[in-house]
Amino acid sequence: MVIGICRLTFVLHDNHSLKGKRHVLKPMMEKVKSRFNVSVAEVGDNDLWLRAEVGISVVGNDRAYANSVLDNVIEFIDGLHMAELTAHSIEIINC
C-alpha cells in the first residue's frame, strides 16, 4: 500500500473574513474530491483570513500512481484561479 500526501499553501487576496475564506475553499475542495476521488481538508492557518493550508491524500498500490494523481490535483487547483497557490509539497509513504 502506498499513501500520497500533499500540502498546499494558498494566499487569498481581497478576502476580509473567515466566511469569505470558506466561500473560496469549500467549492475548491468539493471539485477536487469529486474529480479525483481523494481526501481533502483544511489542515492549517484556520484562523487566518488571507492564508489557507489544505491537505490532500490518496491511497494506491503504486508510487507512480499516487504521485501522478497528486501532480494532477495540483495542476487542476492552480488552473481554477480561485486562490494563489504559493507552495506545495508531496510525500509518498510505503506501508
PDB file of N, CA and C in Angstrom:
ATOM      1  N   MET A   1       0.846  -1.175   0.000  1.00  0.00           N
ATOM      2  CA  MET A   1       0.000   0.000   0.000  1.00  0.00           C
ATOM      3  C   MET A   1       0.892   1.239   0.000  1.00  0.00           C
ATOM      4  N   VAL A   2       0.493   2.218  -0.787  1.00  0.00           N
ATOM      5  CA  VAL A   2       1.221   3.479  -0.899  1.00  0.00           C
ATOM      6  C   VAL A   2       0.268   4.612  -0.570  1.00  0.00           C
ATOM      7  N   ILE A   3       0.730   5.539   0.248  1.00  0.00           N
ATOM      8  CA  ILE A   3      -0.070   6.703   0.621  1.00  0.00           C
ATOM      9  C   ILE A   3       0.642   7.954   0.107  1.00  0.00           C
ATOM     10  N   GLY A   4      -0.085   8.759  -0.642  1.00  0.00           N
ATOM     11  CA  GLY A   4       0.438  10.029  -1.131  1.00  0.00           C
ATOM     12  C   GLY A   4      -0.183  11.166  -0.359  1.00  0.00           C
ATOM     13  N   ILE A   5       0.663  12.062   0.121  1.00  0.00           N
ATOM     14  CA  ILE A   5       0.204  13.208   0.914  1.00  0.00           C
ATOM     15  C   ILE A   5       0.714  14.481   0.262  1.00  0.00           C
ATOM     16  N   CYS A   6      -0.173  15.438   0.116  1.00  0.00           N
ATOM     17  CA  CYS A   6       0.186  16.719  -0.482  1.00  0.00           C
ATOM     18  C   CYS A   6      -0.282  17.847   0.438  1.00  0.00           C
ATOM     19  N   ARG A   7       0.569  18.822   0.633  1.00  0.00           N
ATOM     20  CA  ARG A   7       0.222  20.008   1.429  1.00  0.00           C
ATOM     21  C   ARG A   7       0.338  21.228   0.522  1.00  0.00           C
ATOM     22  N   LEU A   8      -0.753  21.984   0.432  1.00  0.00           N
ATOM     23  CA  LEU A   8      -0.811  23.171  -0.416  1.00  0.00           C
ATOM     24  C   LEU A   8      -1.016  24.411   0.453  1.00  0.00           C
ATOM     25  N   THR A   9      -0.314  25.475   0.123  1.00  0.00           N
ATOM     26  CA  THR A   9      -0.475  26.748   0.821  1.00  0.00           C
ATOM     27  C   THR A   9      -0.993  27.782  -0.170  1.00  0.00           C
ATOM     28  N   PHE A  10      -2.036  28.480   0.240  1.00  0.00           N
ATOM     29  CA  PHE A  10      -2.683  29.473  -0.616  1.00  0.00           C
ATOM     30  C   PHE A  10      -2.680  30.839   0.038  1.00  0.00           C
ATOM     31  N   VAL A  11      -2.688  31.868  -0.798  1.00  0.00           N
ATOM     32  CA  VAL A  11      -2.955  33.246  -0.366  1.00  0.00           C
ATOM     33  C   VAL A  11      -4.272  33.637  -1.010  1.00  0.00           C
ATOM     34  N   LEU A  12      -5.186  34.160  -0.190  1.00  0.00           N
ATOM     35  CA  LEU A  12      -6.498  34.579  -0.675  1.00  0.00           C
ATOM     36  C   LEU A  12      -6.534  36.103  -0.688  1.00  0.00           C
ATOM     37  N   HIS A  13      -6.278  36.677  -1.848  1.00  0.00           N
ATOM     38  CA  HIS A  13      -6.251  38.128  -1.978  1.00  0.00           C
ATOM     39  C   HIS A  13      -7.666  38.699  -1.854  1.00  0.00           C
ATOM     40  N   ASP A  14      -7.767  39.907  -1.351  1.00  0.00           N
ATOM     41  CA  ASP A  14      -9.044  40.621  -1.228  1.00  0.00           C
ATOM     42  C   ASP A  14     -10.071  39.857  -0.407  1.00  0.00           C
ATOM     43  N   ASN A  15      -9.625  39.107   0.568  1.00  0.00           N
ATOM     44  CA  ASN A  15     -10.534  38.407   1.465  1.00  0.00           C
ATOM     45  C   ASN A  15     -10.596  39.179   2.781  1.00  0.00           C
ATOM     46  N   HIS A  16     -11.790  39.277   3.373  1.00  0.00           N
ATOM     47  CA  HIS A  16     -11.945  40.107   4.566  1.00  0.00           C
ATOM     48  C   HIS A  16     -12.559  39.377   5.754  1.00  0.00           C
ATOM     49  N   SER A  17     -12.790  38.070   5.634  1.00  0.00           N
ATOM     50  CA  SER A  17     -13.396  37.338   6.746  1.00  0.00           C
ATOM     51  C   SER A  17     -13.159  35.842   6.590  1.00  0.00           C
ATOM     52  N   LEU A  18     -13.391  35.121   7.669  1.00  0.00           N
ATOM     53  CA  LEU A  18     -13.302  33.663   7.612  1.00  0.00           C
ATOM     54  C   LEU A  18     -14.428  33.098   6.751  1.00  0.00           C
ATOM     55  N   LYS A  19     -15.566  33.786   6.737  1.00  0.00           N
ATOM     56  CA  LYS A  19     -16.680  33.364   5.884  1.00  0.00           C
ATOM     57  C   LYS A  19     -16.278  33.458   4.405  1.00  0.00           C
ATOM     58  N   GLY A  20     -15.587  34.520   4.045  1.00  0.00           N
ATOM     59  CA  GLY A  20     -15.096  34.669   2.684  1.00  0.00           C
ATOM     60  C   GLY A  20     -14.089  33.593   2.326  1.00  0.00           C
ATOM     61  N   LYS A  21     -13.260  33.224   3.296  1.00  0.00           N
ATOM     62  CA  LYS A  21     -12.282  32.158   3.087  1.00  0.00           C
ATOM     63  C   LYS A  21     -12.995  30.838   2.811  1.00  0.00           C
ATOM     64  N   ARG A  22     -14.017  30.532   3.602  1.00  0.00           N
ATOM     65  CA  ARG A  22     -14.799  29.307   3.385  1.00  0.00           C
ATOM     66  C   ARG A  22     -15.486  29.333   2.022  1.00  0.00           C
ATOM     67  N   HIS A  23     -15.922  30.518   1.611  1.00  0.00           N
ATOM     68  CA  HIS A  23     -16.599  30.685   0.327  1.00  0.00           C
ATOM     69  C   HIS A  23     -15.677  30.313  -0.844  1.00  0.00           C
ATOM     70  N   VAL A  24     -14.386  30.480  -0.669  1.00  0.00           N
ATOM     71  CA  VAL A  24     -13.411  30.116  -1.698  1.00  0.00           C
ATOM     72  C   VAL A  24     -12.987  28.651  -1.559  1.00  0.00           C
ATOM     73  N   LEU A  25     -12.669  28.229  -0.338  1.00  0.00           N
ATOM     74  CA  LEU A  25     -12.105  26.894  -0.134  1.00  0.00           C
ATOM     75  C   LEU A  25     -13.107  25.759  -0.328  1.00  0.00           C
ATOM     76  N   LYS A  26     -14.325  25.934   0.158  1.00  0.00           N
ATOM     77  CA  LYS A  26     -15.290  24.835   0.104  1.00  0.00           C
ATOM     78  C   LYS A  26     -15.567  24.369  -1.329  1.00  0.00           C
ATOM     79  N   PRO A  27     -15.900  25.273  -2.268  1.00  0.00           N
ATOM     80  CA  PRO A  27     -16.134  24.797  -3.640  1.00  0.00           C
ATOM     81  C   PRO A  27     -14.879  24.192  -4.277  1.00  0.00           C
ATOM     82  N   MET A  28     -13.717  24.758  -3.957  1.00  0.00           N
ATOM     83  CA  MET A  28     -12.466  24.221  -4.497  1.00  0.00           C
ATOM     84  C   MET A  28     -12.259  22.782  -4.020  1.00  0.00           C
ATOM     85  N   MET A  29     -12.433  22.552  -2.735  1.00  0.00           N
ATOM     86  CA  MET A  29     -12.216  21.217  -2.183  1.00  0.00           C
ATOM     87  C   MET A  29     -13.251  20.226  -2.713  1.00  0.00           C
ATOM     88  N   GLU A  30     -14.500  20.651  -2.878  1.00  0.00           N
ATOM     89  CA  GLU A  30     -15.536  19.766  -3.417  1.00  0.00           C
ATOM     90  C   GLU A  30     -15.237  19.365  -4.858  1.00  0.00           C
ATOM     91  N   LYS A  31     -14.753  20.307  -5.667  1.00  0.00           N
ATOM     92  CA  LYS A  31     -14.402  19.995  -7.056  1.00  0.00           C
ATOM     93  C   LYS A  31     -13.278  18.973  -7.116  1.00  0.00           C
ATOM     94  N   VAL A  32     -12.283  19.133  -6.256  1.00  0.00           N
ATOM     95  CA  VAL A  32     -11.149  18.204  -6.238  1.00  0.00           C
ATOM     96  C   VAL A  32     -11.608  16.819  -5.786  1.00  0.00           C
ATOM     97  N   LYS A  33     -12.425  16.758  -4.724  1.00  0.00           N
ATOM     98  CA  LYS A  33     -12.916  15.465  -4.228  1.00  0.00           C
ATOM     99  C   LYS A  33     -13.686  14.711  -5.303  1.00  0.00           C
ATOM    100  N   SER A  34     -14.590  15.407  -5.973  1.00  0.00           N
ATOM    101  CA  SER A  34     -15.431  14.719  -6.944  1.00  0.00           C
ATOM    102  C   SER A  34     -14.666  14.329  -8.217  1.00  0.00           C
ATOM    103  N   ARG A  35     -13.702  15.125  -8.613  1.00  0.00           N
ATOM    104  CA  ARG A  35     -12.983  14.843  -9.857  1.00  0.00           C
ATOM    105  C   ARG A  35     -11.900  13.777  -9.693  1.00  0.00           C
ATOM    106  N   PHE A  36     -11.202  13.777  -8.537  1.00  0.00           N
ATOM    107  CA  PHE A  36     -10.043  12.898  -8.370  1.00  0.00           C
ATOM    108  C   PHE A  36     -10.231  11.791  -7.335  1.00  0.00           C
ATOM    109  N   ASN A  37     -11.345  11.778  -6.620  1.00  0.00           N
ATOM    110  CA  ASN A  37     -11.599  10.754  -5.608  1.00  0.00           C
ATOM    111  C   ASN A  37     -10.469  10.697  -4.571  1.00  0.00           C
ATOM    112  N   VAL A  38     -10.120  11.843  -4.010  1.00  0.00           N
ATOM    113  CA  VAL A  38      -9.087  11.962  -2.986  1.00  0.00           C
ATOM    114  C   VAL A  38      -9.716  12.563  -1.730  1.00  0.00           C
ATOM    115  N   SER A  39      -9.002  12.495  -0.628  1.00  0.00           N
ATOM    116  CA  SER A  39      -9.441  13.148   0.606  1.00  0.00           C
ATOM    117  C   SER A  39      -8.824  14.532   0.667  1.00  0.00           C
ATOM    118  N   VAL A  40      -9.628  15.525   1.036  1.00  0.00           N
ATOM    119  CA  VAL A  40      -9.177  16.911   1.078  1.00  0.00           C
ATOM    120  C   VAL A  40      -9.695  17.554   2.361  1.00  0.00           C
ATOM    121  N   ALA A  41      -8.822  18.314   3.037  1.00  0.00           N
ATOM    122  CA  ALA A  41      -9.240  19.028   4.244  1.00  0.00           C
ATOM    123  C   ALA A  41      -8.353  20.245   4.459  1.00  0.00           C
ATOM    124  N   GLU A  42      -8.926  21.256   5.108  1.00  0.00           N
ATOM    125  CA  GLU A  42      -8.123  22.394   5.539  1.00  0.00           C
ATOM    126  C   GLU A  42      -7.357  21.946   6.767  1.00  0.00           C
ATOM    127  N   VAL A  43      -6.026  22.053   6.727  1.00  0.00           N
ATOM    128  CA  VAL A  43      -5.206  21.484   7.802  1.00  0.00           C
ATOM    129  C   VAL A  43      -4.382  22.509   8.566  1.00  0.00           C
ATOM    130  N   GLY A  44      -4.438  23.763   8.179  1.00  0.00           N
ATOM    131  CA  GLY A  44      -3.662  24.769   8.890  1.00  0.00           C
ATOM    132  C   GLY A  44      -4.128  26.170   8.566  1.00  0.00           C
ATOM    133  N   ASP A  45      -3.616  27.117   9.320  1.00  0.00           N
ATOM    134  CA  ASP A  45      -3.968  28.532   9.150  1.00  0.00           C
ATOM    135  C   ASP A  45      -5.479  28.741   9.224  1.00  0.00           C
ATOM    136  N   ASN A  46      -6.139  27.997  10.105  1.00  0.00           N
ATOM    137  CA  ASN A  46      -7.597  28.048  10.201  1.00  0.00           C
ATOM    138  C   ASN A  46      -8.137  29.407  10.615  1.00  0.00           C
ATOM    139  N   ASP A  47      -7.397  30.163  11.395  1.00  0.00           N
ATOM    140  CA  ASP A  47      -7.889  31.438  11.901  1.00  0.00           C
ATOM    141  C   ASP A  47      -7.397  32.639  11.107  1.00  0.00           C
ATOM    142  N   LEU A  48      -6.675  32.399  10.035  1.00  0.00           N
ATOM    143  CA  LEU A  48      -6.173  33.499   9.216  1.00  0.00           C
ATOM    144  C   LEU A  48      -7.068  33.705   8.013  1.00  0.00           C
ATOM    145  N   TRP A  49      -7.378  34.948   7.693  1.00  0.00           N
ATOM    146  CA  TRP A  49      -8.271  35.268   6.578  1.00  0.00           C
ATOM    147  C   TRP A  49      -7.591  35.142   5.231  1.00  0.00           C
ATOM    148  N   LEU A  50      -6.330  35.538   5.171  1.00  0.00           N
ATOM    149  CA  LEU A  50      -5.658  35.664   3.886  1.00  0.00           C
ATOM    150  C   LEU A  50      -4.807  34.454   3.495  1.00  0.00           C
ATOM    151  N   ARG A  51      -4.691  33.471   4.385  1.00  0.00           N
ATOM    152  CA  ARG A  51      -3.887  32.280   4.091  1.00  0.00           C
ATOM    153  C   ARG A  51      -4.703  31.036   4.359  1.00  0.00           C
ATOM    154  N   ALA A  52      -4.401  29.995   3.606  1.00  0.00           N
ATOM    155  CA  ALA A  52      -5.053  28.707   3.819  1.00  0.00           C
ATOM    156  C   ALA A  52      -4.043  27.599   3.553  1.00  0.00           C
ATOM    157  N   GLU A  53      -4.165  26.543   4.315  1.00  0.00           N
ATOM    158  CA  GLU A  53      -3.328  25.369   4.127  1.00  0.00           C
ATOM    159  C   GLU A  53      -4.254  24.167   3.965  1.00  0.00           C
ATOM    160  N   VAL A  54      -4.117  23.465   2.862  1.00  0.00           N
ATOM    161  CA  VAL A  54      -5.001  22.354   2.525  1.00  0.00           C
ATOM    162  C   VAL A  54      -4.169  21.085   2.375  1.00  0.00           C
ATOM    163  N   GLY A  55      -4.678  19.995   2.939  1.00  0.00           N
ATOM    164  CA  GLY A  55      -4.025  18.699   2.812  1.00  0.00           C
ATOM    165  C   GLY A  55      -4.838  17.786   1.915  1.00  0.00           C
ATOM    166  N   ILE A  56      -4.154  17.013   1.097  1.00  0.00           N
ATOM    167  CA  ILE A  56      -4.793  16.079   0.167  1.00  0.00           C
ATOM    168  C   ILE A  56      -4.091  14.736   0.321  1.00  0.00           C
ATOM    169  N   SER A  57      -4.885  13.664   0.338  1.00  0.00           N
ATOM    170  CA  SER A  57      -4.267  12.339   0.422  1.00  0.00           C
ATOM    171  C   SER A  57      -4.923  11.384  -0.572  1.00  0.00           C
ATOM    172  N   VAL A  58      -4.122  10.435  -1.025  1.00  0.00           N
ATOM    173  CA  VAL A  58      -4.577   9.404  -1.943  1.00  0.00           C
ATOM    174  C   VAL A  58      -3.906   8.094  -1.548  1.00  0.00           C
ATOM    175  N   VAL A  59      -4.624   7.000  -1.699  1.00  0.00           N
ATOM    176  CA  VAL A  59      -4.090   5.673  -1.384  1.00  0.00           C
ATOM    177  C   VAL A  59      -4.113   4.843  -2.653  1.00  0.00           C
ATOM    178  N   GLY A  60      -3.043   4.101  -2.883  1.00  0.00           N
ATOM    179  CA  GLY A  60      -2.969   3.240  -4.057  1.00  0.00           C
ATOM    180  C   GLY A  60      -1.979   2.123  -3.829  1.00  0.00           C
ATOM    181  N   ASN A  61      -1.658   1.426  -4.893  1.00  0.00           N
ATOM    182  CA  ASN A  61      -0.700   0.331  -4.763  1.00  0.00           C
ATOM    183  C   ASN A  61       0.599   0.595  -5.520  1.00  0.00           C
ATOM    184  N   ASP A  62       0.774   1.836  -6.021  1.00  0.00           N
ATOM    185  CA  ASP A  62       1.941   2.164  -6.833  1.00  0.00           C
ATOM    186  C   ASP A  62       2.365   3.605  -6.552  1.00  0.00           C
ATOM    187  N   ARG A  63       3.658   3.809  -6.333  1.00  0.00           N
ATOM    188  CA  ARG A  63       4.180   5.157  -6.063  1.00  0.00           C
ATOM    189  C   ARG A  63       3.916   6.102  -7.226  1.00  0.00           C
ATOM    190  N   ALA A  64       4.110   5.604  -8.441  1.00  0.00           N
ATOM    191  CA  ALA A  64       3.918   6.446  -9.625  1.00  0.00           C
ATOM    192  C   ALA A  64       2.463   6.910  -9.737  1.00  0.00           C
ATOM    193  N   TYR A  65       1.518   6.020  -9.416  1.00  0.00           N
ATOM    194  CA  TYR A  65       0.102   6.379  -9.466  1.00  0.00           C
ATOM    195  C   TYR A  65      -0.210   7.482  -8.461  1.00  0.00           C
ATOM    196  N   ALA A  66       0.213   7.303  -7.220  1.00  0.00           N
ATOM    197  CA  ALA A  66      -0.070   8.290  -6.175  1.00  0.00           C
ATOM    198  C   ALA A  66       0.548   9.639  -6.532  1.00  0.00           C
ATOM    199  N   ASN A  67       1.781   9.628  -7.002  1.00  0.00           N
ATOM    200  CA  ASN A  67       2.461  10.867  -7.369  1.00  0.00           C
ATOM    201  C   ASN A  67       1.757  11.541  -8.551  1.00  0.00           C
ATOM    202  N   SER A  68       1.330  10.748  -9.517  1.00  0.00           N
ATOM    203  CA  SER A  68       0.638  11.282 -10.692  1.00  0.00           C
ATOM    204  C   SER A  68      -0.693  11.927 -10.312  1.00  0.00           C
ATOM    205  N   VAL A  69      -1.451  11.272  -9.460  1.00  0.00           N
ATOM    206  CA  VAL A  69      -2.734  11.835  -9.019  1.00  0.00           C
ATOM    207  C   VAL A  69      -2.510  13.167  -8.322  1.00  0.00           C
ATOM    208  N   LEU A  70      -1.540  13.231  -7.419  1.00  0.00           N
ATOM    209  CA  LEU A  70      -1.288  14.469  -6.683  1.00  0.00           C
ATOM    210  C   LEU A  70      -0.775  15.571  -7.611  1.00  0.00           C
ATOM    211  N   ASP A  71       0.060  15.228  -8.571  1.00  0.00           N
ATOM    212  CA  ASP A  71       0.513  16.213  -9.559  1.00  0.00           C
ATOM    213  C   ASP A  71      -0.669  16.768 -10.354  1.00  0.00           C
ATOM    214  N   ASN A  72      -1.579  15.886 -10.753  1.00  0.00           N
ATOM    215  CA  ASN A  72      -2.757  16.321 -11.496  1.00  0.00           C
ATOM    216  C   ASN A  72      -3.679  17.195 -10.646  1.00  0.00           C
ATOM    217  N   VAL A  73      -3.806  16.877  -9.368  1.00  0.00           N
ATOM    218  CA  VAL A  73      -4.619  17.694  -8.458  1.00  0.00           C
ATOM    219  C   VAL A  73      -4.024  19.096  -8.343  1.00  0.00           C
ATOM    220  N   ILE A  74      -2.716  19.179  -8.163  1.00  0.00           N
ATOM    221  CA  ILE A  74      -2.057  20.484  -8.047  1.00  0.00           C
ATOM    222  C   ILE A  74      -2.272  21.301  -9.310  1.00  0.00           C
ATOM    223  N   GLU A  75      -2.095  20.686 -10.454  1.00  0.00           N
ATOM    224  CA  GLU A  75      -2.289  21.378 -11.725  1.00  0.00           C
ATOM    225  C   GLU A  75      -3.741  21.849 -11.878  1.00  0.00           C
ATOM    226  N   PHE A  76      -4.693  21.003 -11.494  1.00  0.00           N
ATOM    227  CA  PHE A  76      -6.112  21.343 -11.580  1.00  0.00           C
ATOM    228  C   PHE A  76      -6.448  22.530 -10.680  1.00  0.00           C
ATOM    229  N   ILE A  77      -5.990  22.481  -9.425  1.00  0.00           N
ATOM    230  CA  ILE A  77      -6.281  23.556  -8.478  1.00  0.00           C
ATOM    231  C   ILE A  77      -5.654  24.864  -8.948  1.00  0.00           C
ATOM    232  N   ASP A  78      -4.432  24.803  -9.412  1.00  0.00           N
ATOM    233  CA  ASP A  78      -3.770  26.018  -9.900  1.00  0.00           C
ATOM    234  C   ASP A  78      -4.521  26.601 -11.096  1.00  0.00           C
ATOM    235  N   GLY A  79      -5.101  25.745 -11.925  1.00  0.00           N
ATOM    236  CA  GLY A  79      -5.856  26.192 -13.084  1.00  0.00           C
ATOM    237  C   GLY A  79      -7.207  26.794 -12.759  1.00  0.00           C
ATOM    238  N   LEU A  80      -7.716  26.530 -11.559  1.00  0.00           N
ATOM    239  CA  LEU A  80      -9.007  27.093 -11.163  1.00  0.00           C
ATOM    240  C   LEU A  80      -8.934  28.599 -10.919  1.00  0.00           C
ATOM    241  N   HIS A  81      -7.772  29.099 -10.524  1.00  0.00           N
ATOM    242  CA  HIS A  81      -7.552  30.521 -10.241  1.00  0.00           C
ATOM    243  C   HIS A  81      -8.496  31.060  -9.162  1.00  0.00           C
ATOM    244  N   MET A  82      -8.825  30.208  -8.176  1.00  0.00           N
ATOM    245  CA  MET A  82      -9.692  30.642  -7.081  1.00  0.00           C
ATOM    246  C   MET A  82      -8.869  31.265  -5.957  1.00  0.00           C
ATOM    247  N   ALA A  83      -7.623  30.851  -5.844  1.00  0.00           N
ATOM    248  CA  ALA A  83      -6.699  31.372  -4.847  1.00  0.00           C
ATOM    249  C   ALA A  83      -5.286  31.193  -5.398  1.00  0.00           C
ATOM    250  N   GLU A  84      -4.367  32.007  -4.906  1.00  0.00           N
ATOM    251  CA  GLU A  84      -2.986  31.915  -5.380  1.00  0.00           C
ATOM    252  C   GLU A  84      -2.257  30.795  -4.636  1.00  0.00           C
ATOM    253  N   LEU A  85      -1.806  29.801  -5.378  1.00  0.00           N
ATOM    254  CA  LEU A  85      -1.035  28.698  -4.812  1.00  0.00           C
ATOM    255  C   LEU A  85       0.400  29.172  -4.634  1.00  0.00           C
ATOM    256  N   THR A  86       0.862  29.268  -3.384  1.00  0.00           N
ATOM    257  CA  THR A  86       2.194  29.801  -3.117  1.00  0.00           C
ATOM    258  C   THR A  86       3.223  28.719  -2.832  1.00  0.00           C
ATOM    259  N   ALA A  87       2.787  27.558  -2.355  1.00  0.00           N
ATOM    260  CA  ALA A  87       3.726  26.475  -2.051  1.00  0.00           C
ATOM    261  C   ALA A  87       2.992  25.144  -2.058  1.00  0.00           C
ATOM    262  N   HIS A  88       3.734  24.104  -2.372  1.00  0.00           N
ATOM    263  CA  HIS A  88       3.176  22.756  -2.271  1.00  0.00           C
ATOM    264  C   HIS A  88       4.303  21.755  -2.013  1.00  0.00           C
ATOM    265  N   SER A  89       3.938  20.672  -1.363  1.00  0.00           N
ATOM    266  CA  SER A  89       4.902  19.598  -1.131  1.00  0.00           C
ATOM    267  C   SER A  89       4.164  18.270  -1.247  1.00  0.00           C
ATOM    268  N   ILE A  90       4.874  17.268  -1.721  1.00  0.00           N
ATOM    269  CA  ILE A  90       4.327  15.924  -1.874  1.00  0.00           C
ATOM    270  C   ILE A  90       5.206  14.947  -1.123  1.00  0.00           C
ATOM    271  N   GLU A  91       4.575  14.046  -0.390  1.00  0.00           N
ATOM    272  CA  GLU A  91       5.301  12.982   0.311  1.00  0.00           C
ATOM    273  C   GLU A  91       4.621  11.667  -0.024  1.00  0.00           C
ATOM    274  N   ILE A  92       5.406  10.677  -0.381  1.00  0.00           N
ATOM    275  CA  ILE A  92       4.905   9.345  -0.704  1.00  0.00           C
ATOM    276  C   ILE A  92       5.408   8.384   0.368  1.00  0.00           C
ATOM    277  N   ILE A  93       4.484   7.645   0.982  1.00  0.00           N
ATOM    278  CA  ILE A  93       4.826   6.725   2.072  1.00  0.00           C
ATOM    279  C   ILE A  93       4.490   5.310   1.638  1.00  0.00           C
ATOM    280  N   ASN A  94       5.454   4.408   1.752  1.00  0.00           N
ATOM    281  CA  ASN A  94       5.221   2.982   1.503  1.00  0.00           C
ATOM    282  C   ASN A  94       4.873   2.301   2.830  1.00  0.00           C
ATOM    283  N   CYS A  95       3.792   1.584   2.830  1.00  0.00           N
ATOM    284  CA  CYS A  95       3.385   0.860   4.052  1.00  0.00           C
ATOM    285  C   CYS A  95       3.492  -0.629   3.853  1.00  0.00           C
TER     286      CYS A  95
END
